[in-house]
N, C-alpha and C. Protein backbone atom coordinates (compact mmCIF):
# COMPACT_ATOMS: atom_id res chain seq x y z
N MET A 1 11.03 0.25 -12.63
CA MET A 1 10.98 1.66 -12.34
C MET A 1 9.92 1.90 -11.28
N GLU A 2 10.14 2.85 -10.42
CA GLU A 2 9.22 3.14 -9.33
C GLU A 2 8.71 4.55 -9.47
N GLY A 3 7.39 4.75 -9.40
CA GLY A 3 6.83 6.09 -9.42
C GLY A 3 6.94 6.67 -8.03
N ARG A 4 7.34 7.95 -7.92
CA ARG A 4 7.55 8.54 -6.61
C ARG A 4 7.29 10.02 -6.68
N ALA A 5 6.64 10.56 -5.67
CA ALA A 5 6.39 11.99 -5.63
C ALA A 5 6.38 12.47 -4.20
N ALA A 6 6.92 13.66 -3.99
CA ALA A 6 6.82 14.30 -2.68
C ALA A 6 5.62 15.21 -2.72
N CYS A 7 4.96 15.39 -1.59
CA CYS A 7 3.77 16.24 -1.54
C CYS A 7 4.08 17.61 -2.09
N GLY A 8 3.24 18.07 -3.00
CA GLY A 8 3.41 19.38 -3.58
C GLY A 8 4.35 19.41 -4.77
N VAL A 9 5.00 18.28 -5.09
CA VAL A 9 5.93 18.25 -6.22
C VAL A 9 5.52 17.12 -7.15
N PRO A 10 4.49 17.32 -7.99
CA PRO A 10 4.05 16.27 -8.89
C PRO A 10 5.15 15.87 -9.87
N GLN A 11 5.28 14.59 -10.10
CA GLN A 11 6.25 14.08 -11.06
C GLN A 11 5.57 13.00 -11.89
N LYS A 12 5.99 12.86 -13.14
CA LYS A 12 5.43 11.82 -13.99
C LYS A 12 6.56 10.89 -14.42
N ALA A 13 6.39 9.62 -14.19
CA ALA A 13 7.38 8.64 -14.59
C ALA A 13 7.01 8.10 -15.96
N GLU A 14 7.99 7.97 -16.84
CA GLU A 14 7.70 7.45 -18.17
C GLU A 14 8.76 6.44 -18.57
N ASN A 15 8.33 5.40 -19.24
CA ASN A 15 9.22 4.43 -19.83
C ASN A 15 8.50 3.89 -21.05
N ARG A 16 8.82 4.43 -22.21
CA ARG A 16 8.11 4.09 -23.45
C ARG A 16 8.22 2.61 -23.80
N GLU A 17 9.40 1.99 -23.53
CA GLU A 17 9.56 0.57 -23.86
C GLU A 17 8.58 -0.30 -23.08
N GLU A 18 8.42 -0.04 -21.77
CA GLU A 18 7.48 -0.83 -20.98
C GLU A 18 6.05 -0.60 -21.45
N THR A 19 5.73 0.63 -21.84
CA THR A 19 4.38 0.95 -22.31
C THR A 19 4.04 0.11 -23.53
N ASP A 20 4.98 0.00 -24.46
CA ASP A 20 4.72 -0.76 -25.68
C ASP A 20 4.56 -2.25 -25.40
N GLN A 21 5.20 -2.75 -24.35
CA GLN A 21 5.18 -4.18 -24.08
C GLN A 21 3.98 -4.61 -23.25
N ARG A 22 3.30 -3.70 -22.61
CA ARG A 22 2.19 -4.07 -21.73
C ARG A 22 0.89 -4.22 -22.49
N ASP A 23 0.10 -5.15 -22.04
CA ASP A 23 -1.24 -5.34 -22.57
C ASP A 23 -2.10 -4.17 -22.11
N GLU A 24 -2.98 -3.66 -22.97
CA GLU A 24 -3.84 -2.54 -22.60
C GLU A 24 -4.65 -2.83 -21.35
N ASN A 25 -5.07 -4.07 -21.17
CA ASN A 25 -5.89 -4.42 -20.01
C ASN A 25 -5.11 -4.37 -18.70
N SER A 26 -3.77 -4.50 -18.76
CA SER A 26 -3.00 -4.47 -17.53
C SER A 26 -2.62 -3.05 -17.12
N ALA A 27 -2.83 -2.08 -17.99
CA ALA A 27 -2.52 -0.70 -17.65
C ALA A 27 -3.58 -0.17 -16.69
N ALA A 28 -3.13 0.40 -15.60
CA ALA A 28 -4.07 0.96 -14.61
C ALA A 28 -3.57 2.32 -14.18
N ALA A 29 -4.48 3.16 -13.76
CA ALA A 29 -4.10 4.49 -13.27
C ALA A 29 -3.91 4.42 -11.77
N ILE A 30 -2.90 5.10 -11.27
CA ILE A 30 -2.70 5.22 -9.83
C ILE A 30 -2.78 6.70 -9.49
N MET A 31 -3.64 7.02 -8.57
CA MET A 31 -3.76 8.41 -8.15
C MET A 31 -3.31 8.53 -6.71
N LEU A 32 -2.40 9.44 -6.47
CA LEU A 32 -1.97 9.74 -5.12
C LEU A 32 -2.54 11.09 -4.75
N ALA A 33 -3.25 11.16 -3.67
CA ALA A 33 -3.80 12.45 -3.27
C ALA A 33 -3.55 12.65 -1.80
N PHE A 34 -2.73 13.58 -1.46
CA PHE A 34 -2.59 13.96 -0.06
C PHE A 34 -3.41 15.22 0.07
N ILE A 35 -4.57 15.11 0.70
CA ILE A 35 -5.62 16.11 0.64
C ILE A 35 -5.09 17.50 0.96
N ALA A 36 -4.20 17.62 1.92
CA ALA A 36 -3.74 18.94 2.32
C ALA A 36 -3.03 19.69 1.20
N LYS A 37 -2.11 19.02 0.47
CA LYS A 37 -1.29 19.76 -0.49
C LYS A 37 -0.86 18.99 -1.73
N CYS A 38 -1.20 17.74 -1.87
CA CYS A 38 -0.54 16.94 -2.89
C CYS A 38 -1.53 16.24 -3.81
N PHE A 39 -1.21 16.18 -5.08
CA PHE A 39 -2.01 15.43 -6.03
C PHE A 39 -1.08 14.92 -7.12
N LEU A 40 -1.15 13.66 -7.46
CA LEU A 40 -0.31 13.07 -8.48
C LEU A 40 -1.08 11.97 -9.19
N LEU A 41 -0.99 11.93 -10.49
CA LEU A 41 -1.61 10.87 -11.27
C LEU A 41 -0.50 10.20 -12.07
N VAL A 42 -0.37 8.89 -11.92
CA VAL A 42 0.66 8.14 -12.63
C VAL A 42 -0.03 7.00 -13.35
N ASN A 43 0.28 6.81 -14.61
CA ASN A 43 -0.28 5.72 -15.40
C ASN A 43 0.63 4.52 -15.25
N LEU A 44 0.09 3.39 -14.76
CA LEU A 44 0.90 2.20 -14.56
C LEU A 44 1.41 1.59 -15.86
N ALA A 45 0.90 2.02 -16.99
CA ALA A 45 1.44 1.53 -18.25
C ALA A 45 2.87 2.01 -18.42
N SER A 46 3.26 3.06 -17.70
CA SER A 46 4.59 3.61 -17.88
C SER A 46 5.50 3.35 -16.68
N VAL A 47 5.04 2.64 -15.66
CA VAL A 47 5.89 2.32 -14.52
C VAL A 47 5.67 0.87 -14.13
N ALA A 48 6.60 0.35 -13.34
CA ALA A 48 6.44 -1.01 -12.86
C ALA A 48 5.32 -1.05 -11.82
N THR A 49 5.11 -2.19 -11.21
CA THR A 49 3.95 -2.35 -10.33
C THR A 49 4.24 -1.95 -8.89
N SER A 50 5.13 -1.00 -8.69
CA SER A 50 5.39 -0.49 -7.36
C SER A 50 5.24 1.02 -7.40
N LEU A 51 4.56 1.57 -6.41
CA LEU A 51 4.41 3.01 -6.33
C LEU A 51 4.61 3.43 -4.89
N GLN A 52 5.26 4.56 -4.73
CA GLN A 52 5.58 5.04 -3.40
C GLN A 52 5.02 6.44 -3.21
N MET A 53 4.39 6.68 -2.08
CA MET A 53 3.86 8.00 -1.75
C MET A 53 4.62 8.53 -0.54
N ASP A 54 5.31 9.66 -0.71
CA ASP A 54 6.10 10.25 0.37
C ASP A 54 5.24 11.08 1.32
N PHE A 55 5.64 11.08 2.59
CA PHE A 55 5.02 11.93 3.60
C PHE A 55 6.08 12.89 4.10
N ASN A 56 6.10 14.11 3.60
CA ASN A 56 7.06 15.10 4.07
C ASN A 56 6.83 15.34 5.55
N GLY A 57 7.88 15.22 6.36
CA GLY A 57 7.75 15.40 7.79
C GLY A 57 7.23 14.17 8.51
N GLY A 58 7.05 13.07 7.80
CA GLY A 58 6.57 11.84 8.42
C GLY A 58 5.06 11.72 8.38
N LEU A 59 4.59 10.51 8.55
CA LEU A 59 3.15 10.24 8.57
C LEU A 59 2.59 10.67 9.92
N LYS A 60 1.65 11.54 9.90
CA LYS A 60 1.05 12.02 11.15
C LYS A 60 0.06 10.98 11.68
N PRO A 61 0.09 10.73 13.01
CA PRO A 61 -0.93 9.84 13.57
C PRO A 61 -2.32 10.40 13.27
N ASN A 62 -3.30 9.53 13.27
CA ASN A 62 -4.69 9.87 12.94
C ASN A 62 -4.83 10.29 11.48
N THR A 63 -4.14 9.55 10.63
CA THR A 63 -4.24 9.73 9.18
C THR A 63 -4.89 8.49 8.58
N LEU A 64 -5.77 8.71 7.62
CA LEU A 64 -6.40 7.63 6.88
C LEU A 64 -5.69 7.48 5.55
N VAL A 65 -5.17 6.29 5.28
CA VAL A 65 -4.55 5.98 3.99
C VAL A 65 -5.46 4.98 3.30
N THR A 66 -5.91 5.31 2.08
CA THR A 66 -6.83 4.46 1.33
C THR A 66 -6.14 3.94 0.08
N VAL A 67 -6.25 2.65 -0.15
CA VAL A 67 -5.67 2.00 -1.33
C VAL A 67 -6.80 1.30 -2.07
N TYR A 68 -6.92 1.55 -3.36
CA TYR A 68 -7.89 0.86 -4.21
C TYR A 68 -7.14 -0.15 -5.06
N VAL A 69 -7.54 -1.40 -5.00
CA VAL A 69 -6.87 -2.44 -5.77
C VAL A 69 -7.87 -3.25 -6.58
N GLU A 70 -7.40 -3.73 -7.70
CA GLU A 70 -8.11 -4.75 -8.48
C GLU A 70 -7.15 -5.92 -8.55
N ILE A 71 -7.56 -7.04 -8.03
CA ILE A 71 -6.66 -8.17 -7.90
C ILE A 71 -6.77 -9.06 -9.13
N PRO A 72 -5.68 -9.16 -9.92
CA PRO A 72 -5.71 -10.03 -11.09
C PRO A 72 -5.93 -11.49 -10.69
N LYS A 73 -6.43 -12.27 -11.62
CA LYS A 73 -6.76 -13.67 -11.34
C LYS A 73 -5.54 -14.54 -11.10
N ASP A 74 -4.35 -14.05 -11.45
CA ASP A 74 -3.15 -14.88 -11.32
C ASP A 74 -2.12 -14.33 -10.33
N THR A 75 -2.48 -13.35 -9.52
CA THR A 75 -1.50 -12.78 -8.61
C THR A 75 -1.30 -13.66 -7.37
N PRO A 76 -0.06 -13.87 -6.93
CA PRO A 76 0.17 -14.65 -5.72
C PRO A 76 -0.01 -13.82 -4.45
N ARG A 77 0.25 -12.49 -4.53
CA ARG A 77 0.14 -11.62 -3.37
C ARG A 77 0.40 -10.18 -3.76
N PHE A 78 0.04 -9.29 -2.85
CA PHE A 78 0.42 -7.89 -2.98
C PHE A 78 0.69 -7.37 -1.57
N ALA A 79 1.29 -6.18 -1.46
CA ALA A 79 1.59 -5.66 -0.13
C ALA A 79 1.46 -4.14 -0.10
N VAL A 80 1.11 -3.65 1.07
CA VAL A 80 1.13 -2.23 1.37
C VAL A 80 2.08 -2.10 2.55
N GLU A 81 3.14 -1.30 2.37
CA GLU A 81 4.16 -1.16 3.40
C GLU A 81 4.30 0.30 3.83
N PHE A 82 4.31 0.50 5.14
CA PHE A 82 4.55 1.82 5.73
C PHE A 82 6.02 1.82 6.14
N GLU A 83 6.85 2.60 5.43
CA GLU A 83 8.30 2.47 5.55
C GLU A 83 9.00 3.74 6.02
N HIS A 84 10.14 3.51 6.69
CA HIS A 84 11.09 4.59 6.98
C HIS A 84 12.13 4.61 5.86
N ASP A 85 12.60 3.43 5.50
CA ASP A 85 13.49 3.20 4.36
C ASP A 85 13.37 1.72 4.01
N LYS A 86 14.13 1.27 3.04
CA LYS A 86 13.98 -0.12 2.59
C LYS A 86 14.43 -1.14 3.64
N SER A 87 15.16 -0.70 4.66
CA SER A 87 15.62 -1.60 5.72
C SER A 87 14.75 -1.55 6.97
N ASN A 88 13.79 -0.62 7.00
CA ASN A 88 12.95 -0.41 8.18
C ASN A 88 11.51 -0.18 7.75
N VAL A 89 10.67 -1.17 8.02
CA VAL A 89 9.26 -1.14 7.63
C VAL A 89 8.43 -1.20 8.91
N ALA A 90 7.66 -0.15 9.17
CA ALA A 90 6.85 -0.10 10.39
C ALA A 90 5.69 -1.10 10.33
N PHE A 91 5.09 -1.26 9.14
CA PHE A 91 3.95 -2.17 9.00
C PHE A 91 3.88 -2.65 7.56
N GLU A 92 3.91 -3.98 7.40
CA GLU A 92 3.67 -4.58 6.09
C GLU A 92 2.36 -5.36 6.16
N PHE A 93 1.43 -5.00 5.28
CA PHE A 93 0.15 -5.68 5.12
C PHE A 93 0.26 -6.47 3.83
N ASN A 94 0.24 -7.81 3.91
CA ASN A 94 0.61 -8.65 2.78
C ASN A 94 -0.38 -9.80 2.56
N PRO A 95 -1.54 -9.54 1.88
CA PRO A 95 -2.47 -10.61 1.55
C PRO A 95 -1.83 -11.62 0.58
N ARG A 96 -2.02 -12.90 0.86
CA ARG A 96 -1.41 -13.96 0.05
C ARG A 96 -2.49 -14.92 -0.42
N PHE A 97 -2.42 -15.25 -1.71
CA PHE A 97 -3.40 -16.12 -2.35
C PHE A 97 -2.76 -17.46 -2.66
N ASN A 98 -3.35 -18.53 -2.14
CA ASN A 98 -2.85 -19.88 -2.38
C ASN A 98 -1.36 -19.98 -2.07
N TYR A 99 -0.97 -19.45 -0.94
CA TYR A 99 0.41 -19.51 -0.50
C TYR A 99 0.58 -20.78 0.32
N HIS A 100 1.23 -21.77 -0.25
CA HIS A 100 1.33 -23.10 0.35
C HIS A 100 -0.06 -23.68 0.59
N GLY A 101 -0.98 -23.40 -0.37
CA GLY A 101 -2.33 -23.93 -0.30
C GLY A 101 -3.27 -23.18 0.64
N LYS A 102 -2.84 -22.00 1.13
CA LYS A 102 -3.66 -21.27 2.09
C LYS A 102 -3.89 -19.83 1.64
N LEU A 103 -5.00 -19.26 2.12
CA LEU A 103 -5.31 -17.85 1.94
C LEU A 103 -5.14 -17.18 3.30
N TYR A 104 -4.29 -16.17 3.38
CA TYR A 104 -4.14 -15.44 4.64
C TYR A 104 -3.44 -14.11 4.39
N THR A 105 -3.45 -13.26 5.40
CA THR A 105 -2.75 -11.98 5.34
C THR A 105 -1.63 -12.01 6.36
N ALA A 106 -0.41 -11.77 5.89
CA ALA A 106 0.75 -11.68 6.77
C ALA A 106 0.95 -10.22 7.17
N CYS A 107 1.18 -9.98 8.45
CA CYS A 107 1.48 -8.64 8.97
C CYS A 107 2.82 -8.73 9.70
N ASN A 108 3.68 -7.73 9.47
CA ASN A 108 5.00 -7.78 10.08
C ASN A 108 5.63 -6.40 10.10
N SER A 109 6.77 -6.29 10.79
CA SER A 109 7.60 -5.10 10.82
C SER A 109 9.05 -5.53 10.60
N MET A 110 9.84 -4.64 9.98
CA MET A 110 11.25 -4.91 9.76
C MET A 110 12.06 -3.79 10.42
N LYS A 111 13.11 -4.19 11.13
CA LYS A 111 14.01 -3.21 11.74
C LYS A 111 15.44 -3.60 11.39
N ASN A 112 16.18 -2.66 10.80
CA ASN A 112 17.57 -2.89 10.38
C ASN A 112 17.71 -4.17 9.55
N ASN A 113 16.85 -4.33 8.57
CA ASN A 113 16.85 -5.47 7.64
C ASN A 113 16.43 -6.80 8.27
N GLY A 114 15.95 -6.79 9.49
CA GLY A 114 15.51 -8.03 10.13
C GLY A 114 14.01 -8.00 10.39
N TRP A 115 13.30 -8.98 9.82
CA TRP A 115 11.86 -9.05 10.03
C TRP A 115 11.58 -9.48 11.46
N GLY A 116 10.50 -8.96 12.01
CA GLY A 116 10.05 -9.33 13.34
C GLY A 116 9.23 -10.61 13.28
N THR A 117 8.43 -10.83 14.29
CA THR A 117 7.56 -12.00 14.34
C THR A 117 6.34 -11.74 13.47
N GLN A 118 6.16 -12.57 12.45
CA GLN A 118 5.03 -12.41 11.53
C GLN A 118 3.74 -12.84 12.20
N ILE A 119 2.72 -12.02 12.02
CA ILE A 119 1.39 -12.34 12.52
C ILE A 119 0.52 -12.68 11.31
N ASP A 120 -0.03 -13.88 11.28
CA ASP A 120 -0.85 -14.32 10.16
C ASP A 120 -2.33 -14.26 10.53
N LYS A 121 -3.08 -13.53 9.73
CA LYS A 121 -4.54 -13.45 9.89
C LYS A 121 -5.13 -14.46 8.91
N LYS A 122 -5.61 -15.58 9.44
CA LYS A 122 -6.09 -16.67 8.59
C LYS A 122 -7.60 -16.72 8.47
N ASP A 123 -8.31 -16.21 9.46
CA ASP A 123 -9.77 -16.29 9.41
C ASP A 123 -10.34 -15.03 8.76
N GLY A 124 -11.44 -15.19 8.07
CA GLY A 124 -12.14 -14.06 7.46
C GLY A 124 -11.40 -13.39 6.32
N PHE A 125 -10.58 -14.13 5.57
CA PHE A 125 -9.83 -13.56 4.44
C PHE A 125 -10.82 -12.92 3.47
N PRO A 126 -10.77 -11.59 3.27
CA PRO A 126 -11.82 -10.91 2.52
C PRO A 126 -11.58 -10.78 1.02
N PHE A 127 -10.43 -11.24 0.53
CA PHE A 127 -10.07 -10.98 -0.87
C PHE A 127 -10.34 -12.19 -1.76
N GLN A 128 -10.72 -11.90 -3.01
CA GLN A 128 -10.88 -12.92 -4.04
C GLN A 128 -10.16 -12.43 -5.29
N LEU A 129 -9.56 -13.35 -5.99
CA LEU A 129 -8.89 -13.01 -7.24
C LEU A 129 -9.91 -12.48 -8.24
N GLY A 130 -9.51 -11.49 -9.03
CA GLY A 130 -10.38 -10.93 -10.06
C GLY A 130 -11.37 -9.89 -9.56
N LYS A 131 -11.28 -9.48 -8.31
CA LYS A 131 -12.22 -8.52 -7.72
C LYS A 131 -11.52 -7.20 -7.37
N LYS A 132 -12.35 -6.15 -7.18
CA LYS A 132 -11.86 -4.82 -6.79
C LYS A 132 -12.17 -4.59 -5.31
N TYR A 133 -11.25 -3.87 -4.63
CA TYR A 133 -11.42 -3.59 -3.21
C TYR A 133 -10.92 -2.20 -2.85
N LYS A 134 -11.53 -1.65 -1.81
CA LYS A 134 -11.05 -0.42 -1.18
C LYS A 134 -10.52 -0.83 0.18
N ILE A 135 -9.25 -0.53 0.44
CA ILE A 135 -8.63 -0.89 1.72
C ILE A 135 -8.26 0.41 2.44
N ASP A 136 -8.84 0.60 3.63
CA ASP A 136 -8.55 1.78 4.45
C ASP A 136 -7.62 1.38 5.59
N PHE A 137 -6.59 2.19 5.79
CA PHE A 137 -5.66 2.02 6.91
C PHE A 137 -5.81 3.23 7.82
N GLU A 138 -6.35 3.01 9.00
CA GLU A 138 -6.40 4.07 10.00
C GLU A 138 -5.09 4.01 10.77
N CYS A 139 -4.25 5.01 10.55
CA CYS A 139 -2.94 5.07 11.22
C CYS A 139 -3.13 5.86 12.50
N LEU A 140 -3.29 5.15 13.61
CA LEU A 140 -3.62 5.76 14.90
C LEU A 140 -2.35 5.99 15.72
N GLU A 141 -2.50 6.42 16.95
CA GLU A 141 -1.34 6.70 17.81
C GLU A 141 -0.50 5.44 18.07
N ASN A 142 -1.16 4.29 18.31
CA ASN A 142 -0.44 3.08 18.72
C ASN A 142 -0.71 1.85 17.86
N SER A 143 -1.47 2.02 16.78
CA SER A 143 -1.79 0.85 15.97
C SER A 143 -2.28 1.27 14.59
N TYR A 144 -2.48 0.26 13.76
CA TYR A 144 -3.05 0.43 12.43
C TYR A 144 -4.32 -0.41 12.39
N LYS A 145 -5.44 0.20 12.03
CA LYS A 145 -6.68 -0.56 11.84
C LYS A 145 -6.93 -0.64 10.34
N VAL A 146 -7.26 -1.84 9.88
CA VAL A 146 -7.45 -2.08 8.45
C VAL A 146 -8.91 -2.46 8.20
N TYR A 147 -9.51 -1.78 7.22
CA TYR A 147 -10.89 -2.03 6.80
C TYR A 147 -10.88 -2.39 5.32
N VAL A 148 -11.63 -3.40 4.94
CA VAL A 148 -11.75 -3.79 3.54
C VAL A 148 -13.20 -3.56 3.14
N ASP A 149 -13.39 -2.70 2.14
CA ASP A 149 -14.73 -2.31 1.69
C ASP A 149 -15.62 -1.88 2.86
N GLY A 150 -15.03 -1.10 3.77
CA GLY A 150 -15.78 -0.54 4.88
C GLY A 150 -15.97 -1.45 6.08
N LYS A 151 -15.53 -2.72 5.99
CA LYS A 151 -15.69 -3.66 7.10
C LYS A 151 -14.35 -3.87 7.80
N PHE A 152 -14.38 -3.80 9.13
CA PHE A 152 -13.16 -4.02 9.90
C PHE A 152 -12.58 -5.39 9.59
N TYR A 153 -11.24 -5.43 9.34
CA TYR A 153 -10.57 -6.69 9.04
C TYR A 153 -9.56 -7.06 10.13
N LEU A 154 -8.68 -6.13 10.49
CA LEU A 154 -7.68 -6.45 11.50
C LEU A 154 -7.10 -5.18 12.10
N GLU A 155 -6.45 -5.35 13.25
CA GLU A 155 -5.69 -4.28 13.88
C GLU A 155 -4.28 -4.81 14.11
N TYR A 156 -3.28 -4.01 13.74
CA TYR A 156 -1.89 -4.41 13.91
C TYR A 156 -1.22 -3.46 14.89
N LYS A 157 -0.69 -4.05 15.97
CA LYS A 157 0.05 -3.28 16.97
C LYS A 157 1.48 -3.79 16.96
N GLY A 158 2.27 -3.28 16.02
CA GLY A 158 3.65 -3.71 15.90
C GLY A 158 4.57 -2.89 16.78
N PRO A 159 5.87 -3.20 16.72
CA PRO A 159 6.84 -2.50 17.56
C PRO A 159 7.07 -1.04 17.15
N VAL A 160 6.75 -0.69 15.89
CA VAL A 160 6.94 0.68 15.41
C VAL A 160 5.57 1.31 15.22
N LYS A 161 5.32 2.37 15.94
CA LYS A 161 4.02 3.05 15.89
C LYS A 161 3.98 4.03 14.72
N PRO A 162 2.78 4.36 14.22
CA PRO A 162 2.67 5.39 13.19
C PRO A 162 3.24 6.70 13.71
N GLY A 163 3.82 7.47 12.82
CA GLY A 163 4.36 8.77 13.23
C GLY A 163 5.46 9.23 12.30
N LYS A 164 6.25 10.18 12.77
CA LYS A 164 7.28 10.82 11.94
C LYS A 164 8.29 9.82 11.40
N TYR A 165 8.43 8.67 12.05
CA TYR A 165 9.35 7.64 11.59
C TYR A 165 9.00 7.18 10.18
N ILE A 166 7.71 7.15 9.84
CA ILE A 166 7.27 6.66 8.53
C ILE A 166 7.39 7.77 7.50
N LYS A 167 8.24 7.53 6.51
CA LYS A 167 8.48 8.53 5.46
C LYS A 167 7.61 8.33 4.23
N TRP A 168 7.17 7.09 3.99
CA TRP A 168 6.35 6.84 2.81
C TRP A 168 5.55 5.55 2.95
N VAL A 169 4.55 5.43 2.09
CA VAL A 169 3.82 4.18 1.95
C VAL A 169 4.15 3.65 0.56
N ASN A 170 4.43 2.36 0.49
CA ASN A 170 4.82 1.71 -0.75
C ASN A 170 3.83 0.58 -1.04
N VAL A 171 3.26 0.56 -2.23
CA VAL A 171 2.36 -0.51 -2.64
C VAL A 171 3.06 -1.28 -3.74
N TRP A 172 3.21 -2.58 -3.56
CA TRP A 172 3.84 -3.39 -4.61
C TRP A 172 2.97 -4.61 -4.90
N GLY A 173 3.23 -5.17 -6.02
CA GLY A 173 2.41 -6.28 -6.51
C GLY A 173 1.44 -5.74 -7.55
N THR A 174 0.77 -6.59 -8.22
CA THR A 174 -0.11 -6.14 -9.29
C THR A 174 -1.46 -5.73 -8.77
N GLY A 175 -2.13 -4.89 -9.52
CA GLY A 175 -3.52 -4.59 -9.24
C GLY A 175 -3.81 -3.33 -8.46
N CYS A 176 -2.82 -2.48 -8.15
CA CYS A 176 -3.10 -1.26 -7.40
C CYS A 176 -3.61 -0.18 -8.35
N HIS A 177 -4.73 0.43 -8.01
CA HIS A 177 -5.29 1.51 -8.82
C HIS A 177 -5.00 2.89 -8.24
N TYR A 178 -5.27 3.10 -6.96
CA TYR A 178 -5.11 4.43 -6.37
C TYR A 178 -4.64 4.33 -4.93
N ILE A 179 -3.96 5.39 -4.48
CA ILE A 179 -3.62 5.55 -3.07
C ILE A 179 -4.00 6.98 -2.72
N ALA A 180 -4.62 7.18 -1.58
CA ALA A 180 -4.94 8.53 -1.12
C ALA A 180 -4.71 8.59 0.39
N ALA A 181 -4.37 9.78 0.89
CA ALA A 181 -4.18 9.96 2.33
C ALA A 181 -4.85 11.24 2.76
N SER A 182 -5.47 11.21 3.94
CA SER A 182 -6.12 12.41 4.47
C SER A 182 -6.22 12.29 5.98
N PRO A 183 -6.39 13.42 6.67
CA PRO A 183 -6.57 13.35 8.12
C PRO A 183 -7.87 12.61 8.46
N LEU A 184 -7.85 11.86 9.56
CA LEU A 184 -9.07 11.20 10.04
C LEU A 184 -9.99 12.26 10.63
N HIS A 185 -11.27 12.12 10.40
CA HIS A 185 -12.25 13.04 10.95
C HIS A 185 -12.80 12.46 12.23
N SER A 186 -12.88 13.27 13.25
CA SER A 186 -13.38 12.80 14.55
C SER A 186 -14.88 12.68 14.55
């Protein structure tokens, strides 16, 4: 099940069977806050590990999207995707742990179900299993800048620029606590 809300229309996803089957320690809260008009709180004990935040009218350039994650000790990877739909992804940020014996972050774009050329960031991998992180995405006119705990990590200049094309941000994989979006301050 996927939690989903449009700005200004809070919704709560519930699935009692999944709640009963989950360990209390794996339940996490996800908060979506679009500062201008939207607020949503979803308990991950009642939804699967994917959450989607809609941007009515598209993602405006010069928007800051913040994701708070706690990375479980056994997770292979997680991703933050800026999407138009499931067949078109403007930017996928995909940290991978022990993927073929390596730690790196894969960045890519998908157009009409076809992935582009993957860019792998192998140096300076900032994540460790079992730790908490704040990841900021500065969605600029022509690129995405990514900061981990306030430190610059990478810039992605893919074929699809931030803007009205992006309808939502989707976080999948385990360990996501919160997502928030707000205009960048000059």
